[in-house]
Protein backbone atom coordinates (compact mmCIF):
# COMPACT_ATOMS: atom_id res chain seq x y z
CA MET A 1 -14.16 15.04 8.53
CA PRO A 2 -14.81 11.79 6.59
CA GLY A 3 -11.69 9.65 6.32
CA ASN A 4 -11.52 9.38 2.54
CA SER A 5 -8.56 11.77 2.11
CA PHE A 6 -4.91 11.55 3.13
CA GLY A 7 -2.14 14.14 3.11
CA ARG A 8 -1.60 17.80 3.99
CA VAL A 9 -0.28 19.34 0.75
CA PHE A 10 -0.12 16.33 -1.57
CA ILE A 11 -3.68 15.21 -0.88
CA ILE A 12 -5.30 12.07 -2.26
CA THR A 13 -9.05 11.37 -2.08
CA THR A 14 -10.21 7.93 -3.19
CA TYR A 15 -13.74 7.04 -4.27
CA GLY A 16 -15.78 4.06 -5.45
CA GLU A 17 -16.86 0.62 -4.30
CA SER A 18 -15.87 -2.92 -5.20
CA HIS A 19 -19.00 -3.62 -7.26
CA GLY A 20 -19.86 -0.09 -8.29
CA THR A 21 -19.17 1.52 -11.66
CA ALA A 22 -15.56 2.38 -10.92
CA VAL A 23 -12.93 3.24 -8.35
CA GLY A 24 -10.67 6.24 -8.61
CA VAL A 25 -8.71 9.00 -6.94
CA ILE A 26 -8.30 12.76 -6.99
CA VAL A 27 -4.67 13.83 -6.51
CA ASP A 28 -4.41 17.46 -5.41
CA GLY A 29 -1.09 19.24 -4.86
CA ALA A 30 1.04 17.51 -7.48
CA PRO A 31 3.68 19.95 -8.75
CA PRO A 32 3.23 21.37 -12.27
CA GLY A 33 5.53 20.42 -15.12
CA LEU A 34 5.91 16.75 -14.18
CA PHE A 35 5.91 14.41 -17.17
CA LEU A 36 3.03 11.99 -16.54
CA SER A 37 1.23 9.49 -18.76
CA GLU A 38 -1.31 6.72 -18.30
CA LYS A 39 1.55 4.29 -18.96
CA ASP A 40 3.38 5.56 -15.84
CA ILE A 41 0.32 4.74 -13.75
CA GLN A 42 -0.62 1.53 -15.55
CA GLN A 43 2.67 -0.21 -14.84
CA GLU A 44 2.01 0.16 -11.10
CA LEU A 45 -1.63 -0.94 -11.39
CA ASP A 46 -0.57 -4.04 -13.29
CA ARG A 47 1.49 -5.10 -10.26
CA ARG A 48 -1.60 -4.89 -8.02
CA ARG A 49 -4.40 -6.07 -10.31
CA PRO A 50 -6.30 -9.32 -9.59
CA GLY A 51 -5.85 -12.45 -11.67
CA GLN A 52 -2.14 -11.95 -12.23
CA SER A 53 -0.93 -15.32 -10.90
CA THR A 54 -2.02 -18.71 -9.55
CA VAL A 55 -1.85 -17.47 -5.93
CA THR A 56 -4.26 -14.53 -6.37
CA THR A 57 -7.99 -14.15 -6.88
CA PRO A 58 -9.19 -15.23 -10.35
CA ARG A 59 -11.34 -12.07 -10.63
CA SER A 60 -10.27 -10.64 -13.97
CA GLU A 61 -9.88 -6.86 -14.03
CA SER A 62 -7.70 -5.04 -16.54
CA ASP A 63 -7.54 -2.02 -14.19
CA ARG A 64 -7.12 0.33 -17.15
CA VAL A 65 -6.61 3.85 -15.86
CA GLU A 66 -7.92 7.00 -17.51
CA ILE A 67 -6.49 10.44 -16.71
CA LEU A 68 -9.53 12.74 -16.68
CA SER A 69 -7.87 15.99 -15.61
CA GLY A 70 -4.70 17.67 -14.41
CA VAL A 71 -2.44 16.71 -17.33
CA PHE A 72 -1.97 18.74 -20.51
CA GLU A 73 0.45 18.03 -23.32
CA GLY A 74 1.98 15.22 -21.28
CA LYS A 75 2.74 17.30 -18.18
CA THR A 76 0.93 17.97 -14.94
CA THR A 77 -0.69 21.40 -14.77
CA GLY A 78 -0.68 21.81 -10.98
CA THR A 79 -4.47 21.39 -10.84
CA PRO A 80 -6.21 18.29 -9.40
CA ILE A 81 -5.44 15.07 -11.24
CA SER A 82 -8.46 12.77 -11.61
CA LEU A 83 -7.72 9.07 -12.21
CA PHE A 84 -10.57 6.71 -13.16
CA ILE A 85 -10.51 2.87 -13.11
CA ARG A 86 -13.64 1.11 -14.31
CA ASN A 87 -14.88 -2.10 -12.64
CA GLU A 88 -15.34 -4.62 -15.46
CA ASN A 89 -15.74 -8.04 -13.81
CA ALA A 90 -17.92 -7.56 -10.72
CA ASP A 91 -20.25 -10.47 -9.89
CA SER A 92 -22.61 -9.22 -7.19
CA SER A 93 -24.80 -12.35 -7.33
CA ALA A 94 -22.06 -14.31 -5.55
CA TYR A 95 -22.70 -12.20 -2.44
CA GLU A 96 -26.50 -12.68 -2.30
CA PRO A 97 -26.24 -15.59 0.20
CA TYR A 98 -24.41 -13.32 2.68
CA ARG A 99 -26.68 -10.31 2.32
CA GLN A 100 -28.22 -10.89 5.75
CA LEU A 101 -25.11 -12.33 7.44
CA PHE A 102 -22.06 -10.69 9.01
CA ARG A 103 -18.93 -12.32 7.55
CA PRO A 104 -16.22 -12.96 10.20
CA GLY A 105 -13.11 -10.84 9.67
CA HIS A 106 -14.94 -8.38 7.40
CA ALA A 107 -16.30 -4.88 8.01
CA ASP A 108 -19.94 -5.96 7.56
CA PHE A 109 -20.90 -5.57 11.23
CA THR A 110 -18.97 -2.36 11.88
CA TYR A 111 -20.24 -0.59 8.73
CA GLN A 112 -23.80 -1.61 9.67
CA LYS A 113 -23.37 -0.16 13.18
CA LYS A 114 -21.75 3.06 11.95
CA TYR A 115 -23.97 3.87 8.96
CA GLY A 116 -27.12 1.84 9.62
CA ARG A 117 -26.71 0.21 6.20
CA ARG A 118 -23.95 -1.33 4.12
CA ASP A 119 -23.03 -2.25 0.58
CA TRP A 120 -22.97 -6.04 0.86
CA ARG A 121 -21.63 -6.52 -2.68
CA GLY A 122 -18.02 -7.55 -2.17
CA SER A 123 -17.60 -5.33 0.92
CA GLY A 124 -18.33 -2.11 -0.97
CA ARG A 125 -16.06 0.69 0.19
CA ALA A 126 -14.28 -1.61 2.66
CA SER A 127 -13.09 -3.89 -0.14
CA GLY A 128 -9.46 -4.24 -1.08
CA ARG A 129 -10.60 -3.04 -4.51
CA GLU A 130 -10.29 0.50 -3.11
CA THR A 131 -6.52 0.07 -3.01
CA ALA A 132 -6.31 0.29 -6.81
CA ALA A 133 -7.01 4.00 -6.39
CA ARG A 134 -4.16 4.30 -3.87
CA VAL A 135 -1.76 2.61 -6.27
CA ALA A 136 -2.76 5.04 -9.01
CA ALA A 137 -2.09 8.00 -6.71
CA GLY A 138 1.17 6.43 -5.58
CA ALA A 139 2.31 6.17 -9.19
CA VAL A 140 2.07 9.97 -9.47
CA ALA A 141 4.09 10.38 -6.27
CA LYS A 142 6.65 7.80 -7.40
CA LYS A 143 7.14 9.60 -10.70
CA ALA A 144 7.80 12.88 -8.87
CA LEU A 145 10.11 11.24 -6.32
CA SER A 146 12.12 9.52 -9.05
CA GLU A 147 13.11 12.98 -10.29
CA LEU A 148 14.88 13.44 -6.94
CA GLY A 149 16.51 10.01 -6.98
CA ILE A 150 14.19 8.63 -4.29
CA ARG A 151 13.22 4.99 -4.79
CA ILE A 152 10.72 2.89 -2.85
CA CYS A 153 10.89 -0.89 -2.91
CA GLY A 154 8.73 -3.47 -1.14
CA TYR A 155 8.89 -7.26 -0.93
CA ALA A 156 7.46 -10.27 0.88
CA LEU A 157 9.81 -10.77 3.81
CA GLU A 158 7.65 -13.56 5.20
CA ILE A 159 4.61 -15.60 4.14
CA ALA A 160 2.91 -18.28 6.26
CA GLY A 161 5.88 -18.32 8.63
CA ILE A 162 8.41 -18.86 5.82
CA ARG A 163 10.94 -16.02 6.00
CA ALA A 164 13.34 -14.82 3.33
CA GLU A 165 16.90 -15.60 4.37
CA THR A 166 18.57 -13.26 1.89
CA ILE A 167 17.49 -9.90 0.44
CA ASP A 168 18.10 -9.68 -3.31
CA LEU A 169 16.13 -6.75 -4.73
CA ASP A 170 16.63 -8.07 -8.26
CA ALA A 171 14.76 -11.28 -7.38
CA ILE A 172 11.51 -9.62 -6.25
CA GLU A 173 9.66 -9.38 -9.55
CA LYS A 174 10.99 -12.74 -10.76
CA ASN A 175 8.62 -14.84 -8.63
CA ILE A 176 4.85 -14.62 -8.10
CA VAL A 177 5.04 -13.98 -4.34
CA ARG A 178 7.56 -11.12 -4.71
CA SER A 179 10.06 -12.72 -2.36
CA PRO A 180 13.58 -11.24 -2.29
CA ASP A 181 14.90 -14.77 -1.74
CA SER A 182 14.35 -17.05 -4.73
CA SER A 183 15.30 -20.10 -2.66
CA THR A 184 12.32 -19.64 -0.28
CA ALA A 185 9.77 -18.40 -2.82
CA GLY A 186 8.78 -21.94 -3.80
CA LEU A 187 8.00 -22.90 -0.20
CA MET A 188 5.95 -19.72 0.25
CA ILE A 189 3.91 -20.64 -2.83
CA GLN A 190 3.45 -24.17 -1.51
CA LYS A 191 2.09 -22.88 1.81
CA ILE A 192 -0.36 -20.57 0.03
CA GLU A 193 -1.64 -23.40 -2.19
CA GLU A 194 -2.01 -25.71 0.82
CA ALA A 195 -4.10 -23.10 2.62
CA ARG A 196 -6.32 -22.55 -0.45
CA ASN A 197 -6.84 -26.30 -0.90
CA ASN A 198 -7.93 -26.49 2.75
CA GLY A 199 -10.38 -23.61 2.35
CA ASP A 200 -8.15 -21.31 4.39
CA SER A 201 -5.77 -18.37 3.94
CA VAL A 202 -2.39 -17.16 5.21
CA GLY A 203 -0.74 -13.84 6.03
CA GLY A 204 2.79 -12.52 6.10
CA VAL A 205 5.16 -9.60 6.49
CA VAL A 206 5.93 -6.91 3.93
CA GLU A 207 9.22 -5.03 4.23
CA LEU A 208 9.74 -1.64 2.58
CA LEU A 209 12.89 0.30 1.75
CA VAL A 210 13.07 4.01 0.93
CA LYS A 211 16.41 4.75 -0.71
CA GLY A 212 17.72 8.25 -1.41
CA CYS A 213 15.50 10.13 1.06
CA PRO A 214 17.30 13.34 2.18
CA PRO A 215 17.99 14.00 5.88
CA GLY A 216 15.80 16.47 7.75
CA LEU A 217 12.39 15.23 6.59
CA GLY A 218 9.65 15.09 9.22
CA ASP A 219 7.70 17.49 11.43
CA PRO A 220 7.81 16.84 15.18
CA VAL A 221 6.09 16.34 17.39
CA PHE A 222 2.75 15.02 16.16
CA ASP A 223 3.70 14.77 12.47
CA ARG A 224 6.88 12.80 12.98
CA LEU A 225 7.95 11.03 9.81
CA ASP A 226 7.55 7.61 11.42
CA ALA A 227 4.13 8.62 12.76
CA VAL A 228 2.74 9.71 9.40
CA LEU A 229 4.22 6.63 7.75
CA ALA A 230 2.50 4.51 10.39
CA HIS A 231 -0.79 6.28 9.61
CA ALA A 232 -0.31 5.65 5.89
CA ILE A 233 0.54 1.96 6.22
CA MET A 234 -1.98 1.19 8.96
CA SER A 235 -4.73 2.72 6.81
CA ILE A 236 -4.42 -0.35 4.57
CA ALA A 237 -7.17 -2.62 5.88
CA ALA A 238 -5.19 -5.88 5.87
CA VAL A 239 -2.24 -4.42 7.84
CA LYS A 240 -2.34 -5.15 11.57
CA SER A 241 1.05 -3.99 12.86
CA PHE A 242 3.83 -1.62 11.81
CA GLU A 243 7.57 -1.44 12.56
CA VAL A 244 10.44 0.93 11.84
CA GLY A 245 14.03 -0.28 11.72
CA THR A 246 14.71 -2.99 14.28
CA GLY A 247 11.06 -2.78 15.29
CA ILE A 248 9.71 -4.89 18.14
CA HIS A 249 13.15 -6.41 18.75
CA VAL A 250 14.29 -3.15 20.39
CA SER A 251 12.48 -4.36 23.50
CA ARG A 252 15.15 -7.05 23.89
CA MET A 253 18.19 -4.86 23.20
CA LYS A 254 20.47 -2.73 25.35
CA GLY A 255 21.07 0.92 24.51
CA SER A 256 24.65 0.10 23.62
CA GLU A 257 23.37 -2.42 21.07
CA TYR A 258 20.57 -0.31 19.62
CA ASN A 259 22.17 3.15 19.25
CA ASP A 260 23.60 3.81 15.78
CA PRO A 261 27.12 5.35 16.06
CA PHE A 262 27.72 8.45 13.92
CA ILE A 263 30.58 8.42 11.43
CA ILE A 264 31.88 10.63 8.60
CA GLN A 265 31.68 8.92 5.22
CA ASP A 266 31.98 10.52 1.80
CA ARG A 267 32.24 13.90 3.55
CA ARG A 268 28.86 13.64 5.22
CA VAL A 269 27.47 12.44 8.54
CA ARG A 270 26.20 8.89 8.43
CA THR A 271 25.42 6.13 10.91
CA GLU A 272 27.52 3.00 11.17
CA THR A 273 24.43 0.83 11.69
CA ASN A 274 20.77 1.53 10.97
CA ASN A 275 18.76 0.08 13.84
CA ALA A 276 16.65 3.27 13.86
CA GLY A 277 15.52 2.57 10.30
CA GLY A 278 16.62 5.94 8.93
CA ILE A 279 14.53 8.04 11.35
CA LEU A 280 15.65 9.76 14.59
CA GLY A 281 13.37 12.02 16.61
CA GLY A 282 10.76 11.70 13.89
CA ILE A 283 13.18 13.15 11.28
CA SER A 284 14.97 11.32 8.46
CA THR A 285 18.71 10.76 8.88
CA GLY A 286 19.52 10.24 5.19
CA GLU A 287 20.04 6.50 5.68
CA ASP A 288 17.68 4.00 4.08
CA ILE A 289 14.25 4.13 5.68
CA LEU A 290 13.30 0.58 6.68
CA LEU A 291 9.66 -0.28 7.43
CA ARG A 292 7.75 -3.48 8.09
CA ALA A 293 4.03 -4.31 8.01
CA ALA A 294 2.29 -7.46 9.23
CA VAL A 295 -0.50 -8.52 6.88
CA ARG A 296 -3.41 -10.58 8.15
CA PRO A 297 -4.71 -13.74 6.46
CA THR A 298 -7.42 -12.92 3.92
CA ALA A 299 -10.83 -12.74 5.65
CA SER A 300 -12.80 -14.63 2.98
CA ILE A 301 -12.30 -18.37 3.52
CA SER A 302 -14.48 -21.34 2.60
CA LYS A 303 -14.32 -23.06 5.99
CA VAL A 304 -17.59 -23.10 7.93
CA GLN A 305 -17.61 -20.34 10.58
CA LYS A 306 -19.97 -19.13 13.27
CA THR A 307 -21.67 -15.78 12.79
CA VAL A 308 -24.94 -13.92 13.42
CA SER A 309 -27.51 -12.51 11.04
CA VAL A 310 -28.45 -8.86 10.61
CA ASP A 311 -31.49 -9.47 12.86
CA GLY A 312 -29.29 -10.94 15.61
CA LYS A 313 -29.85 -14.68 15.15
CA PRO A 314 -27.00 -17.24 15.44
CA ALA A 315 -25.96 -18.71 12.09
CA THR A 316 -23.13 -20.38 10.22
CA ILE A 317 -21.47 -19.15 7.07
CA GLN A 318 -19.28 -20.66 4.37
CA VAL A 319 -17.87 -18.01 2.03
CA SER A 320 -17.33 -18.95 -1.58
CA GLY A 321 -16.27 -16.84 -4.53
CA ARG A 322 -13.09 -15.33 -5.99
CA HIS A 323 -10.71 -14.50 -3.17
CA ASP A 324 -6.94 -14.30 -2.60
CA PRO A 325 -5.62 -17.13 -0.38
CA CYS A 326 -2.82 -14.69 0.52
CA ILE A 327 -2.97 -10.93 0.01
CA VAL A 328 0.75 -10.29 0.63
CA PRO A 329 2.01 -10.29 -3.01
CA ARG A 330 -0.70 -7.85 -4.16
CA ILE A 331 -0.49 -5.58 -1.13
CA ILE A 332 3.18 -4.77 -1.80
CA PRO A 333 2.49 -2.14 -4.52
CA VAL A 334 -0.25 -0.71 -2.26
CA ALA A 335 2.19 -0.28 0.63
CA GLU A 336 4.79 1.23 -1.70
CA ALA A 337 2.16 3.68 -2.95
CA MET A 338 1.22 4.86 0.54
CA VAL A 339 4.90 5.36 1.43
CA ALA A 340 5.42 7.33 -1.79
CA VAL A 341 2.42 9.56 -1.11
CA THR A 342 3.66 10.19 2.45
CA ILE A 343 7.23 11.05 1.45
CA MET A 344 5.98 13.32 -1.33
CA ASP A 345 3.62 15.09 1.05
CA CYS A 346 6.35 15.61 3.66
CA LEU A 347 8.71 17.06 1.04
CA LEU A 348 6.06 19.55 -0.08
CA VAL A 349 5.11 20.48 3.49
CA GLN A 350 8.71 21.47 4.16
CA GLY A 351 9.28 23.06 0.77
CA MET A 352 12.03 20.52 0.07
CA TYR A 353 10.72 19.31 -3.28
CA ARG A 354 12.48 20.52 -6.41
CA SER A 355 11.54 19.19 -9.83
CA TYR A 356 14.46 18.10 -11.96
CA SER A 357 12.28 17.03 -14.90
CA GLN A 358 13.95 17.57 -18.25
CA GLY A 359 12.38 20.37 -20.21
CA GLN A 360 10.33 21.82 -17.38
CA GLU A 361 9.01 25.15 -18.53
CA LYS A 362 9.49 28.37 -16.62
CA SER A 363 6.36 30.18 -15.48
CA GLU A 364 5.24 32.72 -18.04
CA LYS A 365 4.90 36.31 -16.99
CA ILE A 366 1.44 37.73 -17.49
């Protein structure tokens, strides 16, 4: 089965290429009766769109979404929701010099080997432009989850080796790198600008919080909650590692340090600490779910690099054009979207979703 769809009940299928007519997504399995408007989706797309700050690509795309189906009189109908985002500012001529060259760090070589041909215009289907469709789908999931009091929040924990020292969720959208620590945001920006001025790029770490997730979510053994979340996050091309809770540091801890003691608080079972990141045995505990994703430096850089041509001859390449010197700030809404889609899907798989939307109509008897 081609890998263009994700989910088991809440299923998203993205389509489109970077320099094609449009990108978009089909969302199948969304519950009926959910209030949904283009504005709900647009506010998430605006957080991801290019050209939004001095540390992102200057490609100018409005990313205006159109709802083509699945919504009637302001509410979802239960049928597939089609979301369409037109490409308005594609400049394919900028990629002509690389038509016969494999760009280091890109999917040019692997797509050529798999399909025997490739869309060389801005990476085609392998472009980060595809993630706009994911964000649109995630906006639908977020709207449904908000009815249950579930909130998903992401931020730049680290950029270019500069790590946030404090976590203030209110600070995230107040700086262009989406750092939760306003005191380190300036240094992060400085490192990004230094890399861009040197024809290079930098990576970082995105941290994600899921607040309000009920206990008991997850389907062992192969569809563990942490496993499907890993699948969702690792499907984002720029992500190269994934952690839950304490993550890789568990390898340096003793069991007595890592285990989260159970306590009774507010008449329910809780854990005193949260090293497990809100997931035990692949099932949610009811504590905050804490995830982390390492994001690679952007592949397109203007430094001269070694490569080979399509016909197998050694060559050099110097990539120019409109590229992000750091993808971390724009990947945050993408990662949030994939977490939202995953949590929504798991809730529906287990029959745990209940819509609390005001004014939801009862099914009419025929």
